[in-house]
């Protein structure tokens, strides 16, 4: 909670969705500090769900759960999720119970613009960035001082920021405008500065 409050004191505003693993303390802090929708990371959830199936069942379980993620609307996704949960009730009751419990948290991303859904269903982009930072810092091994690691990691983060802004926009401006509280604010196609 302290970390999230510090972010708001430093100017973080307009948080609509927070994606994380299913940490109860973090989930409660997000609701209290940001009053934002919480999305359980789909990738982490799938790992948890597959633990309830034996090796021979995992591909089938994965395929069936993915049918809910492929739906066009929020309502259709929830309906398909319930169909999948019902399918597992007799043969994999613990999996069905997990699906019942996690439905709203795992499908929270479906309430956002369709164009954004593939980006906001999991923490994978952040995990990829963290892996790249680890890879690049492991090459150096031992840093002469704290400033050296801050320079390297800062440069990597700036590089990633530029890539997302100029080459591969992470979320479309139109979609962001659709969910923004400030409809009068114009978002430029390229941020200059």
N, C-alpha and C. Protein backbone atom coordinates (compact mmCIF):
# COMPACT_ATOMS: atom_id res chain seq x y z
N UNK A 1 0.83 -1.18 0.00
CA UNK A 1 0.00 0.00 0.00
C UNK A 1 0.88 1.25 0.00
N UNK A 2 1.95 1.21 0.78
CA UNK A 2 2.85 2.37 0.86
C UNK A 2 3.44 2.70 -0.52
N UNK A 3 3.87 1.67 -1.24
CA UNK A 3 4.44 1.87 -2.58
C UNK A 3 3.42 2.49 -3.53
N UNK A 4 2.20 1.98 -3.53
CA UNK A 4 1.16 2.50 -4.43
C UNK A 4 0.79 3.93 -4.06
N UNK A 5 0.70 4.22 -2.77
CA UNK A 5 0.41 5.61 -2.35
C UNK A 5 1.53 6.55 -2.76
N UNK A 6 2.76 6.06 -2.68
CA UNK A 6 3.90 6.89 -3.11
C UNK A 6 3.79 7.21 -4.60
N UNK A 7 3.36 6.24 -5.39
CA UNK A 7 3.18 6.49 -6.83
C UNK A 7 2.15 7.59 -7.06
N UNK A 8 1.05 7.57 -6.31
CA UNK A 8 0.04 8.62 -6.50
C UNK A 8 0.55 9.97 -6.03
N UNK A 9 1.33 10.00 -4.95
CA UNK A 9 1.93 11.26 -4.49
C UNK A 9 2.87 11.84 -5.54
N UNK A 10 3.51 10.96 -6.30
CA UNK A 10 4.45 11.42 -7.33
C UNK A 10 3.74 11.73 -8.64
N UNK A 11 2.40 11.63 -8.69
CA UNK A 11 1.67 12.09 -9.85
C UNK A 11 0.95 11.04 -10.68
N UNK A 12 1.00 9.78 -10.30
CA UNK A 12 0.30 8.76 -11.07
C UNK A 12 -1.20 8.97 -10.94
N UNK A 13 -1.88 9.12 -12.06
CA UNK A 13 -3.32 9.37 -12.08
C UNK A 13 -3.97 8.55 -13.20
N UNK A 14 -5.27 8.38 -13.09
CA UNK A 14 -6.03 7.77 -14.17
C UNK A 14 -5.83 6.28 -14.35
N UNK A 15 -5.42 5.57 -13.32
CA UNK A 15 -5.20 4.13 -13.42
C UNK A 15 -6.55 3.45 -13.59
N UNK A 16 -6.70 2.69 -14.65
CA UNK A 16 -7.95 1.99 -14.95
C UNK A 16 -7.84 0.49 -14.69
N UNK A 17 -6.63 -0.05 -14.86
CA UNK A 17 -6.44 -1.49 -14.76
C UNK A 17 -5.04 -1.77 -14.22
N UNK A 18 -4.97 -2.71 -13.29
CA UNK A 18 -3.69 -3.17 -12.78
C UNK A 18 -3.66 -4.67 -12.98
N UNK A 19 -2.57 -5.16 -13.55
CA UNK A 19 -2.42 -6.58 -13.86
C UNK A 19 -1.32 -7.15 -12.96
N UNK A 20 -1.62 -8.25 -12.29
CA UNK A 20 -0.61 -8.86 -11.43
C UNK A 20 -0.96 -10.33 -11.21
N UNK A 21 -0.13 -11.00 -10.43
CA UNK A 21 -0.49 -12.34 -10.02
C UNK A 21 -1.51 -12.20 -8.88
N UNK A 22 -1.98 -13.30 -8.35
CA UNK A 22 -3.08 -13.27 -7.39
C UNK A 22 -2.59 -13.09 -5.95
N UNK A 23 -1.89 -12.04 -5.68
CA UNK A 23 -1.42 -11.72 -4.33
C UNK A 23 -2.51 -10.92 -3.63
N UNK A 24 -3.08 -11.47 -2.56
CA UNK A 24 -4.24 -10.85 -1.91
C UNK A 24 -3.94 -9.46 -1.37
N UNK A 25 -2.76 -9.26 -0.78
CA UNK A 25 -2.40 -7.95 -0.25
C UNK A 25 -2.29 -6.91 -1.35
N UNK A 26 -1.69 -7.28 -2.46
CA UNK A 26 -1.54 -6.37 -3.59
C UNK A 26 -2.92 -6.05 -4.18
N UNK A 27 -3.74 -7.05 -4.30
CA UNK A 27 -5.09 -6.85 -4.85
C UNK A 27 -5.88 -5.87 -3.98
N UNK A 28 -5.81 -6.02 -2.67
CA UNK A 28 -6.53 -5.13 -1.75
C UNK A 28 -5.98 -3.70 -1.83
N UNK A 29 -4.66 -3.58 -1.92
CA UNK A 29 -4.04 -2.25 -1.99
C UNK A 29 -4.42 -1.54 -3.29
N UNK A 30 -4.49 -2.27 -4.38
CA UNK A 30 -4.88 -1.70 -5.68
C UNK A 30 -6.30 -1.14 -5.60
N UNK A 31 -7.20 -1.92 -5.01
CA UNK A 31 -8.59 -1.48 -4.89
C UNK A 31 -8.69 -0.24 -4.01
N UNK A 32 -7.92 -0.19 -2.95
CA UNK A 32 -8.01 0.93 -2.01
C UNK A 32 -7.35 2.20 -2.55
N UNK A 33 -6.17 2.07 -3.13
CA UNK A 33 -5.41 3.24 -3.56
C UNK A 33 -5.86 3.76 -4.92
N UNK A 34 -6.06 2.87 -5.88
CA UNK A 34 -6.38 3.30 -7.24
C UNK A 34 -7.86 3.23 -7.58
N UNK A 35 -8.62 2.41 -6.84
CA UNK A 35 -10.02 2.17 -7.20
C UNK A 35 -10.10 1.75 -8.67
N UNK A 36 -9.20 0.87 -9.05
CA UNK A 36 -9.09 0.42 -10.44
C UNK A 36 -9.49 -1.05 -10.55
N UNK A 37 -9.78 -1.46 -11.77
CA UNK A 37 -10.06 -2.87 -12.05
C UNK A 37 -8.76 -3.65 -11.87
N UNK A 38 -8.88 -4.84 -11.30
CA UNK A 38 -7.71 -5.70 -11.15
C UNK A 38 -7.84 -6.88 -12.10
N UNK A 39 -6.78 -7.16 -12.83
CA UNK A 39 -6.73 -8.27 -13.78
C UNK A 39 -5.71 -9.29 -13.28
N UNK A 40 -6.16 -10.51 -13.06
CA UNK A 40 -5.22 -11.58 -12.72
C UNK A 40 -4.48 -11.96 -13.98
N UNK A 41 -3.18 -12.03 -13.90
CA UNK A 41 -2.37 -12.37 -15.07
C UNK A 41 -2.85 -13.71 -15.64
N UNK A 42 -3.22 -13.67 -16.90
CA UNK A 42 -3.75 -14.85 -17.58
C UNK A 42 -2.71 -15.97 -17.65
N UNK A 43 -1.48 -15.61 -17.89
CA UNK A 43 -0.42 -16.62 -18.00
C UNK A 43 -0.21 -17.33 -16.66
N UNK A 44 -0.14 -16.55 -15.58
CA UNK A 44 0.02 -17.15 -14.26
C UNK A 44 -1.19 -18.01 -13.90
N UNK A 45 -2.37 -17.53 -14.25
CA UNK A 45 -3.58 -18.31 -13.98
C UNK A 45 -3.54 -19.65 -14.72
N UNK A 46 -3.15 -19.61 -15.99
CA UNK A 46 -3.13 -20.85 -16.77
C UNK A 46 -2.14 -21.86 -16.18
N UNK A 47 -1.02 -21.38 -15.67
CA UNK A 47 -0.08 -22.29 -15.01
C UNK A 47 -0.75 -22.95 -13.81
N UNK A 48 -1.48 -22.14 -13.02
CA UNK A 48 -2.19 -22.68 -11.86
C UNK A 48 -3.25 -23.68 -12.29
N UNK A 49 -4.01 -23.35 -13.33
CA UNK A 49 -5.09 -24.22 -13.80
C UNK A 49 -4.55 -25.54 -14.33
N UNK A 50 -3.46 -25.49 -15.06
CA UNK A 50 -2.90 -26.72 -15.65
C UNK A 50 -2.36 -27.67 -14.59
N UNK A 51 -2.08 -27.15 -13.40
CA UNK A 51 -1.60 -28.01 -12.31
C UNK A 51 -2.70 -28.98 -11.85
N UNK A 52 -3.96 -28.69 -12.16
CA UNK A 52 -5.07 -29.55 -11.77
C UNK A 52 -5.35 -30.65 -12.79
N UNK A 53 -4.61 -30.66 -13.88
CA UNK A 53 -4.80 -31.67 -14.93
C UNK A 53 -3.55 -32.53 -15.03
N UNK A 54 -3.73 -33.79 -15.42
CA UNK A 54 -2.55 -34.62 -15.62
C UNK A 54 -1.92 -34.25 -16.98
N UNK A 55 -0.76 -34.77 -17.22
CA UNK A 55 -0.01 -34.39 -18.42
C UNK A 55 -0.80 -34.61 -19.71
N UNK A 56 -1.55 -35.69 -19.79
CA UNK A 56 -2.32 -36.00 -20.98
C UNK A 56 -3.54 -35.11 -21.18
N UNK A 57 -3.99 -34.45 -20.12
CA UNK A 57 -5.18 -33.59 -20.20
C UNK A 57 -4.84 -32.12 -20.44
N UNK A 58 -3.62 -31.74 -20.26
CA UNK A 58 -3.26 -30.32 -20.26
C UNK A 58 -3.55 -29.59 -21.56
N UNK A 59 -3.29 -30.21 -22.68
CA UNK A 59 -3.57 -29.53 -23.96
C UNK A 59 -5.06 -29.30 -24.14
N UNK A 60 -5.86 -30.26 -23.75
CA UNK A 60 -7.31 -30.12 -23.85
C UNK A 60 -7.80 -29.03 -22.90
N UNK A 61 -7.30 -29.00 -21.67
CA UNK A 61 -7.69 -27.97 -20.70
C UNK A 61 -7.31 -26.59 -21.23
N UNK A 62 -6.10 -26.46 -21.72
CA UNK A 62 -5.62 -25.19 -22.28
C UNK A 62 -6.52 -24.74 -23.43
N UNK A 63 -6.82 -25.65 -24.33
CA UNK A 63 -7.65 -25.31 -25.50
C UNK A 63 -9.05 -24.87 -25.08
N UNK A 64 -9.63 -25.57 -24.13
CA UNK A 64 -10.99 -25.22 -23.70
C UNK A 64 -11.03 -23.87 -22.99
N UNK A 65 -10.09 -23.62 -22.10
CA UNK A 65 -10.07 -22.33 -21.40
C UNK A 65 -9.82 -21.20 -22.39
N UNK A 66 -8.96 -21.44 -23.36
CA UNK A 66 -8.67 -20.40 -24.37
C UNK A 66 -9.89 -20.03 -25.20
N UNK A 67 -10.90 -20.92 -25.27
CA UNK A 67 -12.11 -20.56 -26.01
C UNK A 67 -12.82 -19.37 -25.36
N UNK A 68 -12.71 -19.25 -24.07
CA UNK A 68 -13.32 -18.10 -23.37
C UNK A 68 -12.58 -16.81 -23.72
N UNK A 69 -11.26 -16.90 -23.82
CA UNK A 69 -10.46 -15.71 -24.14
C UNK A 69 -10.68 -15.23 -25.57
N UNK A 70 -11.13 -16.11 -26.43
CA UNK A 70 -11.30 -15.77 -27.85
C UNK A 70 -12.64 -15.11 -28.16
N UNK A 71 -13.50 -14.99 -27.19
CA UNK A 71 -14.83 -14.43 -27.43
C UNK A 71 -14.76 -12.93 -27.73
N UNK A 72 -15.71 -12.47 -28.52
CA UNK A 72 -15.75 -11.07 -28.96
C UNK A 72 -16.19 -10.11 -27.87
N UNK A 73 -17.14 -10.52 -27.04
CA UNK A 73 -17.69 -9.61 -26.03
C UNK A 73 -17.42 -10.12 -24.63
N UNK A 74 -17.55 -9.22 -23.67
CA UNK A 74 -17.39 -9.58 -22.27
C UNK A 74 -18.41 -10.64 -21.88
N UNK A 75 -19.66 -10.42 -22.28
CA UNK A 75 -20.73 -11.35 -21.92
C UNK A 75 -20.47 -12.74 -22.49
N UNK A 76 -20.05 -12.79 -23.75
CA UNK A 76 -19.76 -14.08 -24.38
C UNK A 76 -18.59 -14.78 -23.70
N UNK A 77 -17.58 -14.02 -23.29
CA UNK A 77 -16.43 -14.61 -22.60
C UNK A 77 -16.85 -15.23 -21.28
N UNK A 78 -17.69 -14.51 -20.52
CA UNK A 78 -18.17 -15.05 -19.24
C UNK A 78 -19.06 -16.28 -19.44
N UNK A 79 -19.89 -16.22 -20.45
CA UNK A 79 -20.76 -17.37 -20.74
C UNK A 79 -19.94 -18.60 -21.12
N UNK A 80 -18.95 -18.40 -21.98
CA UNK A 80 -18.10 -19.51 -22.40
C UNK A 80 -17.28 -20.04 -21.22
N UNK A 81 -16.84 -19.15 -20.35
CA UNK A 81 -16.07 -19.54 -19.15
C UNK A 81 -16.91 -20.49 -18.30
N UNK A 82 -18.18 -20.16 -18.12
CA UNK A 82 -19.07 -21.02 -17.32
C UNK A 82 -19.30 -22.37 -18.01
N UNK A 83 -19.40 -22.37 -19.34
CA UNK A 83 -19.55 -23.62 -20.09
C UNK A 83 -18.32 -24.50 -19.86
N UNK A 84 -17.14 -23.90 -19.92
CA UNK A 84 -15.89 -24.65 -19.72
C UNK A 84 -15.83 -25.18 -18.29
N UNK A 85 -16.16 -24.35 -17.31
CA UNK A 85 -16.15 -24.79 -15.91
C UNK A 85 -17.11 -25.96 -15.72
N UNK A 86 -18.30 -25.87 -16.30
CA UNK A 86 -19.28 -26.96 -16.18
C UNK A 86 -18.75 -28.24 -16.82
N UNK A 87 -18.01 -28.10 -17.91
CA UNK A 87 -17.44 -29.27 -18.60
C UNK A 87 -16.50 -30.05 -17.66
N UNK A 88 -15.79 -29.32 -16.78
CA UNK A 88 -14.81 -29.98 -15.90
C UNK A 88 -15.37 -30.42 -14.56
N UNK A 89 -16.62 -30.12 -14.26
CA UNK A 89 -17.17 -30.37 -12.92
C UNK A 89 -17.06 -31.82 -12.46
N UNK A 90 -17.29 -32.77 -13.34
CA UNK A 90 -17.26 -34.17 -12.90
C UNK A 90 -15.86 -34.77 -12.93
N UNK A 91 -15.10 -34.50 -13.98
CA UNK A 91 -13.78 -35.14 -14.11
C UNK A 91 -12.66 -34.38 -13.40
N UNK A 92 -12.76 -33.05 -13.35
CA UNK A 92 -11.73 -32.23 -12.71
C UNK A 92 -12.40 -31.18 -11.81
N UNK A 93 -13.03 -31.65 -10.72
CA UNK A 93 -13.80 -30.72 -9.88
C UNK A 93 -12.97 -29.58 -9.26
N UNK A 94 -11.71 -29.84 -8.94
CA UNK A 94 -10.88 -28.78 -8.37
C UNK A 94 -10.59 -27.70 -9.42
N UNK A 95 -10.40 -28.11 -10.65
CA UNK A 95 -10.21 -27.14 -11.73
C UNK A 95 -11.48 -26.33 -11.94
N UNK A 96 -12.63 -26.98 -11.91
CA UNK A 96 -13.91 -26.28 -12.07
C UNK A 96 -14.08 -25.25 -10.95
N UNK A 97 -13.73 -25.62 -9.73
CA UNK A 97 -13.82 -24.68 -8.60
C UNK A 97 -12.88 -23.50 -8.79
N UNK A 98 -11.68 -23.76 -9.28
CA UNK A 98 -10.73 -22.68 -9.56
C UNK A 98 -11.29 -21.74 -10.63
N UNK A 99 -11.87 -22.30 -11.67
CA UNK A 99 -12.47 -21.48 -12.73
C UNK A 99 -13.61 -20.62 -12.17
N UNK A 100 -14.44 -21.20 -11.33
CA UNK A 100 -15.53 -20.44 -10.72
C UNK A 100 -14.99 -19.27 -9.90
N UNK A 101 -13.99 -19.56 -9.11
CA UNK A 101 -13.42 -18.55 -8.21
C UNK A 101 -12.70 -17.43 -8.98
N UNK A 102 -12.04 -17.75 -10.06
CA UNK A 102 -11.18 -16.79 -10.75
C UNK A 102 -11.85 -16.08 -11.93
N UNK A 103 -13.06 -16.44 -12.27
CA UNK A 103 -13.70 -15.94 -13.49
C UNK A 103 -13.62 -14.43 -13.66
N UNK A 104 -14.09 -13.67 -12.70
CA UNK A 104 -14.11 -12.22 -12.86
C UNK A 104 -12.71 -11.62 -12.91
N UNK A 105 -11.80 -12.18 -12.13
CA UNK A 105 -10.43 -11.66 -12.09
C UNK A 105 -9.66 -11.95 -13.38
N UNK A 106 -9.86 -13.12 -13.94
CA UNK A 106 -9.12 -13.50 -15.16
C UNK A 106 -9.73 -12.85 -16.41
N UNK A 107 -11.03 -12.59 -16.37
CA UNK A 107 -11.70 -12.01 -17.54
C UNK A 107 -11.88 -10.49 -17.43
N UNK A 108 -11.29 -9.85 -16.45
CA UNK A 108 -11.44 -8.39 -16.27
C UNK A 108 -11.02 -7.63 -17.52
N UNK A 109 -10.00 -8.10 -18.23
CA UNK A 109 -9.49 -7.41 -19.41
C UNK A 109 -10.52 -7.31 -20.53
N UNK A 110 -11.54 -8.17 -20.51
CA UNK A 110 -12.53 -8.16 -21.59
C UNK A 110 -13.43 -6.92 -21.54
N UNK A 111 -13.39 -6.18 -20.45
CA UNK A 111 -14.17 -4.95 -20.34
C UNK A 111 -13.49 -3.75 -20.96
N UNK A 112 -12.34 -3.96 -21.57
CA UNK A 112 -11.56 -2.88 -22.19
C UNK A 112 -11.60 -3.04 -23.71
N UNK A 113 -11.19 -2.01 -24.45
CA UNK A 113 -11.24 -2.08 -25.92
C UNK A 113 -10.55 -3.34 -26.45
N UNK A 114 -11.18 -3.97 -27.42
CA UNK A 114 -10.69 -5.23 -28.00
C UNK A 114 -9.24 -5.10 -28.50
N UNK A 115 -8.92 -3.94 -29.07
CA UNK A 115 -7.56 -3.75 -29.59
C UNK A 115 -6.50 -3.83 -28.50
N UNK A 116 -6.87 -3.60 -27.25
CA UNK A 116 -5.90 -3.63 -26.15
C UNK A 116 -5.81 -4.97 -25.45
N UNK A 117 -6.77 -5.81 -25.67
CA UNK A 117 -6.89 -7.02 -24.86
C UNK A 117 -5.67 -7.91 -24.87
N UNK A 118 -5.03 -8.08 -26.01
CA UNK A 118 -3.87 -8.98 -26.04
C UNK A 118 -2.71 -8.41 -25.22
N UNK A 119 -2.70 -7.11 -25.00
CA UNK A 119 -1.62 -6.49 -24.24
C UNK A 119 -1.91 -6.43 -22.74
N UNK A 120 -3.18 -6.48 -22.36
CA UNK A 120 -3.52 -6.28 -20.95
C UNK A 120 -4.02 -7.54 -20.25
N UNK A 121 -3.88 -8.67 -20.85
CA UNK A 121 -4.34 -9.91 -20.23
C UNK A 121 -3.28 -10.54 -19.34
N UNK A 122 -2.05 -10.11 -19.45
CA UNK A 122 -0.99 -10.73 -18.65
C UNK A 122 0.11 -9.72 -18.34
N UNK A 123 1.04 -10.17 -17.51
CA UNK A 123 2.20 -9.35 -17.16
C UNK A 123 3.40 -9.67 -18.05
N UNK A 124 3.19 -10.40 -19.14
CA UNK A 124 4.30 -10.81 -20.00
C UNK A 124 5.18 -9.66 -20.50
N UNK A 125 4.61 -8.53 -20.96
CA UNK A 125 5.50 -7.45 -21.43
C UNK A 125 6.47 -6.97 -20.33
N UNK A 126 5.97 -6.84 -19.12
CA UNK A 126 6.83 -6.43 -18.01
C UNK A 126 7.86 -7.51 -17.69
N UNK A 127 7.44 -8.75 -17.72
CA UNK A 127 8.37 -9.84 -17.44
C UNK A 127 9.44 -9.93 -18.51
N UNK A 128 9.08 -9.67 -19.77
CA UNK A 128 10.08 -9.64 -20.85
C UNK A 128 11.10 -8.54 -20.62
N UNK A 129 10.62 -7.36 -20.22
CA UNK A 129 11.52 -6.24 -19.93
C UNK A 129 12.45 -6.59 -18.77
N UNK A 130 11.91 -7.16 -17.72
CA UNK A 130 12.75 -7.55 -16.58
C UNK A 130 13.79 -8.59 -16.98
N UNK A 131 13.41 -9.52 -17.84
CA UNK A 131 14.36 -10.53 -18.31
C UNK A 131 15.49 -9.89 -19.13
N UNK A 132 15.15 -8.90 -19.93
CA UNK A 132 16.17 -8.20 -20.73
C UNK A 132 17.13 -7.43 -19.82
N UNK A 133 16.59 -6.79 -18.79
CA UNK A 133 17.45 -6.08 -17.83
C UNK A 133 18.37 -7.07 -17.15
N UNK A 134 17.84 -8.21 -16.73
CA UNK A 134 18.66 -9.23 -16.08
C UNK A 134 19.75 -9.73 -17.03
N UNK A 135 19.37 -9.99 -18.28
CA UNK A 135 20.35 -10.48 -19.26
C UNK A 135 21.49 -9.48 -19.44
N UNK A 136 21.14 -8.21 -19.57
CA UNK A 136 22.16 -7.20 -19.83
C UNK A 136 23.01 -6.91 -18.59
N UNK A 137 22.43 -6.97 -17.40
CA UNK A 137 23.22 -6.73 -16.20
C UNK A 137 24.09 -7.93 -15.85
N UNK A 138 23.63 -9.14 -16.19
CA UNK A 138 24.44 -10.34 -15.95
C UNK A 138 25.73 -10.31 -16.77
N UNK A 139 25.69 -9.70 -17.94
CA UNK A 139 26.88 -9.60 -18.79
C UNK A 139 27.97 -8.79 -18.08
N UNK A 140 27.54 -7.72 -17.41
CA UNK A 140 28.50 -6.87 -16.70
C UNK A 140 29.01 -7.57 -15.46
N UNK A 141 28.14 -8.25 -14.76
CA UNK A 141 28.55 -8.98 -13.57
C UNK A 141 28.60 -8.09 -12.34
N UNK A 142 29.72 -7.45 -12.13
CA UNK A 142 29.90 -6.60 -10.96
C UNK A 142 30.01 -5.15 -11.42
N UNK A 143 29.17 -4.31 -10.84
CA UNK A 143 29.18 -2.89 -11.18
C UNK A 143 30.08 -2.15 -10.20
N UNK A 144 30.83 -1.14 -10.69
CA UNK A 144 31.75 -0.42 -9.80
C UNK A 144 31.03 0.40 -8.73
N UNK A 145 29.79 0.83 -9.01
CA UNK A 145 29.03 1.60 -8.03
C UNK A 145 27.55 1.59 -8.42
N UNK A 146 26.73 2.15 -7.55
CA UNK A 146 25.28 2.18 -7.80
C UNK A 146 24.95 3.02 -9.03
N UNK A 147 25.67 4.09 -9.24
CA UNK A 147 25.39 4.97 -10.39
C UNK A 147 25.56 4.22 -11.71
N UNK A 148 26.50 3.30 -11.77
CA UNK A 148 26.74 2.55 -13.00
C UNK A 148 25.55 1.66 -13.35
N UNK A 149 24.97 1.00 -12.37
CA UNK A 149 23.81 0.15 -12.66
C UNK A 149 22.60 1.01 -12.99
N UNK A 150 22.45 2.15 -12.32
CA UNK A 150 21.33 3.05 -12.62
C UNK A 150 21.45 3.56 -14.05
N UNK A 151 22.66 3.88 -14.49
CA UNK A 151 22.87 4.34 -15.88
C UNK A 151 22.49 3.25 -16.88
N UNK A 152 22.96 2.04 -16.65
CA UNK A 152 22.66 0.94 -17.58
C UNK A 152 21.16 0.63 -17.62
N UNK A 153 20.55 0.44 -16.47
CA UNK A 153 19.13 0.10 -16.42
C UNK A 153 18.30 1.28 -16.95
N UNK A 154 18.68 2.50 -16.60
CA UNK A 154 17.98 3.68 -17.12
C UNK A 154 18.05 3.76 -18.63
N UNK A 155 19.21 3.47 -19.19
CA UNK A 155 19.36 3.48 -20.66
C UNK A 155 18.49 2.40 -21.30
N UNK A 156 18.43 1.22 -20.68
CA UNK A 156 17.58 0.15 -21.20
C UNK A 156 16.10 0.55 -21.16
N UNK A 157 15.69 1.18 -20.08
CA UNK A 157 14.30 1.60 -19.96
C UNK A 157 13.96 2.70 -20.95
N UNK A 158 14.87 3.63 -21.16
CA UNK A 158 14.65 4.68 -22.17
C UNK A 158 14.57 4.08 -23.57
N UNK A 159 15.43 3.13 -23.84
CA UNK A 159 15.41 2.44 -25.14
C UNK A 159 14.08 1.73 -25.36
N UNK A 160 13.59 1.05 -24.33
CA UNK A 160 12.31 0.36 -24.42
C UNK A 160 11.18 1.35 -24.60
N UNK A 161 11.23 2.44 -23.87
CA UNK A 161 10.21 3.48 -24.00
C UNK A 161 10.16 4.03 -25.42
N UNK A 162 11.31 4.33 -25.98
CA UNK A 162 11.36 4.85 -27.35
C UNK A 162 10.81 3.83 -28.35
N UNK A 163 11.16 2.56 -28.15
CA UNK A 163 10.68 1.52 -29.06
C UNK A 163 9.16 1.43 -29.03
N UNK A 164 8.57 1.46 -27.83
CA UNK A 164 7.12 1.37 -27.73
C UNK A 164 6.45 2.62 -28.28
N UNK A 165 7.05 3.79 -28.11
CA UNK A 165 6.42 5.01 -28.59
C UNK A 165 6.53 5.17 -30.09
N UNK A 166 7.65 4.78 -30.66
CA UNK A 166 7.89 5.07 -32.07
C UNK A 166 7.69 3.89 -33.00
N UNK A 167 8.05 2.70 -32.57
CA UNK A 167 8.01 1.56 -33.47
C UNK A 167 6.79 0.66 -33.24
N UNK A 168 6.54 0.32 -32.01
CA UNK A 168 5.45 -0.61 -31.70
C UNK A 168 4.59 -0.01 -30.61
N UNK A 169 3.69 0.86 -30.97
CA UNK A 169 2.83 1.47 -29.96
C UNK A 169 2.11 0.36 -29.22
N UNK A 170 2.23 0.39 -27.92
CA UNK A 170 1.70 -0.67 -27.08
C UNK A 170 0.17 -0.67 -27.06
N UNK A 171 -0.42 0.49 -26.88
CA UNK A 171 -1.87 0.63 -26.88
C UNK A 171 -2.25 1.73 -27.86
N UNK A 172 -3.35 1.55 -28.59
CA UNK A 172 -3.75 2.54 -29.59
C UNK A 172 -4.26 3.81 -28.92
N UNK A 173 -3.99 4.95 -29.54
CA UNK A 173 -4.46 6.22 -29.00
C UNK A 173 -5.98 6.30 -28.98
N UNK A 174 -6.61 5.73 -30.00
CA UNK A 174 -8.07 5.75 -30.07
C UNK A 174 -8.66 4.98 -28.90
N UNK A 175 -8.10 3.83 -28.62
CA UNK A 175 -8.59 3.02 -27.51
C UNK A 175 -8.35 3.69 -26.17
N UNK A 176 -7.21 4.34 -26.02
CA UNK A 176 -6.94 5.06 -24.77
C UNK A 176 -7.92 6.21 -24.60
N UNK A 177 -8.21 6.90 -25.69
CA UNK A 177 -9.17 8.00 -25.63
C UNK A 177 -10.55 7.52 -25.22
N UNK A 178 -10.91 6.32 -25.64
CA UNK A 178 -12.23 5.77 -25.33
C UNK A 178 -12.41 5.50 -23.85
N UNK A 179 -11.33 5.21 -23.13
CA UNK A 179 -11.45 4.90 -21.70
C UNK A 179 -10.95 6.02 -20.81
N UNK A 180 -10.48 7.11 -21.38
CA UNK A 180 -9.93 8.22 -20.62
C UNK A 180 -11.01 9.00 -19.89
N UNK A 181 -10.69 9.44 -18.67
CA UNK A 181 -11.59 10.31 -17.92
C UNK A 181 -11.60 11.71 -18.50
N UNK A 182 -10.50 12.08 -19.16
CA UNK A 182 -10.37 13.43 -19.71
C UNK A 182 -10.55 13.36 -21.21
N UNK A 183 -11.78 13.45 -21.67
CA UNK A 183 -12.08 13.32 -23.10
C UNK A 183 -11.57 14.50 -23.92
N UNK A 184 -11.32 15.65 -23.28
CA UNK A 184 -10.87 16.83 -24.02
C UNK A 184 -9.38 16.82 -24.32
N UNK A 185 -8.65 15.99 -23.63
CA UNK A 185 -7.20 15.94 -23.81
C UNK A 185 -6.87 15.26 -25.12
N UNK A 186 -5.98 15.88 -25.92
CA UNK A 186 -5.54 15.28 -27.18
C UNK A 186 -4.26 14.52 -26.93
N UNK A 187 -4.18 13.35 -27.50
CA UNK A 187 -2.99 12.55 -27.41
C UNK A 187 -2.24 12.64 -28.73
N UNK A 188 -1.01 13.08 -28.69
CA UNK A 188 -0.26 13.21 -29.94
C UNK A 188 0.19 11.83 -30.41
N UNK A 189 0.38 11.69 -31.71
CA UNK A 189 0.81 10.42 -32.28
C UNK A 189 2.23 10.09 -31.87
N UNK A 190 3.05 11.10 -31.77
CA UNK A 190 4.45 10.92 -31.35
C UNK A 190 4.74 11.97 -30.31
N UNK A 191 5.27 11.54 -29.20
CA UNK A 191 5.60 12.48 -28.13
C UNK A 191 6.98 13.05 -28.43
N UNK A 192 7.07 14.36 -28.44
CA UNK A 192 8.35 15.02 -28.69
C UNK A 192 8.80 15.70 -27.41
N UNK A 193 10.05 15.99 -27.33
CA UNK A 193 10.47 16.67 -26.12
C UNK A 193 11.88 16.76 -25.95
